Amino acid sequence: MTAHPETDPGPPPVFTARERELLGHLAQGATYRAIAHRMALSPHTVDTYLRRLRHKTGTSNRVQLAIVAHTCLHSAPAPG
């Protein structure tokens, strides 16, 4: 059987520890400002991280990214 690129999402993305931390806050519903405060980052840095993560995961908005984050963070072990 041949895989179809448009329907085969491939392997889940691998996240760094910092990305996993940020995605965990996002999955809990935290705002950019709250994430920035909790991680000692500027809101602009959080926005940059999330923009890159949306690209990395193929998502187009915060809600989609939160869904992917929840799924990935709860289905795969953290890289060691």
C-alpha atoms as a PDB file:
ATOM      1  CA  MET A   1       0.000   0.000   0.000  1.00  0.00           C
ATOM      2  CA  THR A   2       1.357   3.432  -0.934  1.00  0.00           C
ATOM      3  CA  ALA A   3       1.379   6.284   1.563  1.00  0.00           C
ATOM      4  CA  HIS A   4      -0.263   9.485   0.412  1.00  0.00           C
ATOM      5  CA  PRO A   5       1.644  12.575   1.580  1.00  0.00           C
ATOM      6  CA  GLU A   6      -1.520  14.654   1.833  1.00  0.00           C
ATOM      7  CA  THR A   7      -3.198  12.124   4.154  1.00  0.00           C
ATOM      8  CA  ASP A   8      -0.187  10.522   5.881  1.00  0.00           C
ATOM      9  CA  PRO A   9       0.962  12.896   8.632  1.00  0.00           C
ATOM     10  CA  GLY A  10       4.212  10.982   9.155  1.00  0.00           C
ATOM     11  CA  PRO A  11       5.901  10.655  12.509  1.00  0.00           C
ATOM     12  CA  PRO A  12       4.958  13.080  15.278  1.00  0.00           C
ATOM     13  CA  PRO A  13       7.329  16.020  15.726  1.00  0.00           C
ATOM     14  CA  VAL A  14      10.097  15.811  18.301  1.00  0.00           C
ATOM     15  CA  PHE A  15      10.069  18.678  20.790  1.00  0.00           C
ATOM     16  CA  THR A  16      12.910  20.087  22.864  1.00  0.00           C
ATOM     17  CA  ALA A  17      12.488  20.243  26.636  1.00  0.00           C
ATOM     18  CA  ARG A  18      11.772  23.989  26.418  1.00  0.00           C
ATOM     19  CA  GLU A  19       9.192  23.460  23.655  1.00  0.00           C
ATOM     20  CA  ARG A  20       7.540  20.718  25.714  1.00  0.00           C
ATOM     21  CA  GLU A  21       7.358  23.055  28.719  1.00  0.00           C
ATOM     22  CA  LEU A  22       5.812  25.817  26.624  1.00  0.00           C
ATOM     23  CA  LEU A  23       3.375  23.428  24.953  1.00  0.00           C
ATOM     24  CA  GLY A  24       2.355  22.086  28.360  1.00  0.00           C
ATOM     25  CA  HIS A  25       1.370  25.591  29.452  1.00  0.00           C
ATOM     26  CA  LEU A  26      -0.456  26.149  26.160  1.00  0.00           C
ATOM     27  CA  ALA A  27      -2.339  22.852  26.502  1.00  0.00           C
ATOM     28  CA  GLN A  28      -3.483  23.995  29.961  1.00  0.00           C
ATOM     29  CA  GLY A  29      -4.976  27.124  28.397  1.00  0.00           C
ATOM     30  CA  ALA A  30      -2.411  29.674  29.577  1.00  0.00           C
ATOM     31  CA  THR A  31      -2.219  33.017  27.772  1.00  0.00           C
ATOM     32  CA  TYR A  32       0.981  34.184  26.052  1.00  0.00           C
ATOM     33  CA  ARG A  33       1.541  36.615  28.915  1.00  0.00           C
ATOM     34  CA  ALA A  34       1.057  33.889  31.556  1.00  0.00           C
ATOM     35  CA  ILE A  35       3.395  31.536  29.673  1.00  0.00           C
ATOM     36  CA  ALA A  36       5.974  34.323  29.432  1.00  0.00           C
ATOM     37  CA  HIS A  37       5.747  34.985  33.165  1.00  0.00           C
ATOM     38  CA  ARG A  38       5.976  31.296  34.125  1.00  0.00           C
ATOM     39  CA  MET A  39       8.960  30.680  31.838  1.00  0.00           C
ATOM     40  CA  ALA A  40      10.735  34.015  32.468  1.00  0.00           C
ATOM     41  CA  LEU A  41      10.436  35.017  28.807  1.00  0.00           C
ATOM     42  CA  SER A  42       9.051  38.041  27.033  1.00  0.00           C
ATOM     43  CA  PRO A  43       5.623  37.698  25.409  1.00  0.00           C
ATOM     44  CA  HIS A  44       7.372  38.340  22.069  1.00  0.00           C
ATOM     45  CA  THR A  45       9.640  35.327  22.641  1.00  0.00           C
ATOM     46  CA  VAL A  46       6.620  33.176  23.463  1.00  0.00           C
ATOM     47  CA  ASP A  47       4.964  34.364  20.247  1.00  0.00           C
ATOM     48  CA  THR A  48       8.109  33.443  18.293  1.00  0.00           C
ATOM     49  CA  TYR A  49       8.266  29.983  19.897  1.00  0.00           C
ATOM     50  CA  LEU A  50       4.604  29.350  19.133  1.00  0.00           C
ATOM     51  CA  ARG A  51       4.902  30.581  15.544  1.00  0.00           C
ATOM     52  CA  ARG A  52       7.823  28.173  14.989  1.00  0.00           C
ATOM     53  CA  LEU A  53       5.924  25.357  16.691  1.00  0.00           C
ATOM     54  CA  ARG A  54       2.901  25.964  14.449  1.00  0.00           C
ATOM     55  CA  HIS A  55       5.201  25.632  11.454  1.00  0.00           C
ATOM     56  CA  LYS A  56       6.893  22.530  12.914  1.00  0.00           C
ATOM     57  CA  THR A  57       3.536  20.836  13.558  1.00  0.00           C
ATOM     58  CA  GLY A  58       1.726  22.052  10.449  1.00  0.00           C
ATOM     59  CA  THR A  59      -0.951  23.816  12.489  1.00  0.00           C
ATOM     60  CA  SER A  60      -2.365  27.216  11.633  1.00  0.00           C
ATOM     61  CA  ASN A  61      -3.624  28.542  14.954  1.00  0.00           C
ATOM     62  CA  ARG A  62      -3.273  28.341  18.722  1.00  0.00           C
ATOM     63  CA  VAL A  63      -6.199  25.947  19.204  1.00  0.00           C
ATOM     64  CA  GLN A  64      -4.864  23.430  16.685  1.00  0.00           C
ATOM     65  CA  LEU A  65      -1.408  23.693  18.263  1.00  0.00           C
ATOM     66  CA  ALA A  66      -2.872  23.090  21.735  1.00  0.00           C
ATOM     67  CA  ILE A  67      -4.632  19.950  20.467  1.00  0.00           C
ATOM     68  CA  VAL A  68      -1.422  18.654  18.883  1.00  0.00           C
ATOM     69  CA  ALA A  69       0.487  19.553  22.051  1.00  0.00           C
ATOM     70  CA  HIS A  70      -1.945  17.662  24.258  1.00  0.00           C
ATOM     71  CA  THR A  71      -1.834  14.612  21.979  1.00  0.00           C
ATOM     72  CA  CYS A  72       1.946  14.577  21.560  1.00  0.00           C
ATOM     73  CA  LEU A  73       2.815  15.343  25.169  1.00  0.00           C
ATOM     74  CA  HIS A  74       0.580  12.578  26.466  1.00  0.00           C
ATOM     75  CA  SER A  75       1.424   9.918  23.899  1.00  0.00           C
ATOM     76  CA  ALA A  76       5.217   9.986  23.656  1.00  0.00           C
ATOM     77  CA  PRO A  77       7.946   9.861  26.284  1.00  0.00           C
ATOM     78  CA  ALA A  78      10.178  12.877  26.713  1.00  0.00           C
ATOM     79  CA  PRO A  79      13.492  12.681  24.868  1.00  0.00           C
ATOM     80  CA  GLY A  80      16.225  11.549  27.202  1.00  0.00           C
END
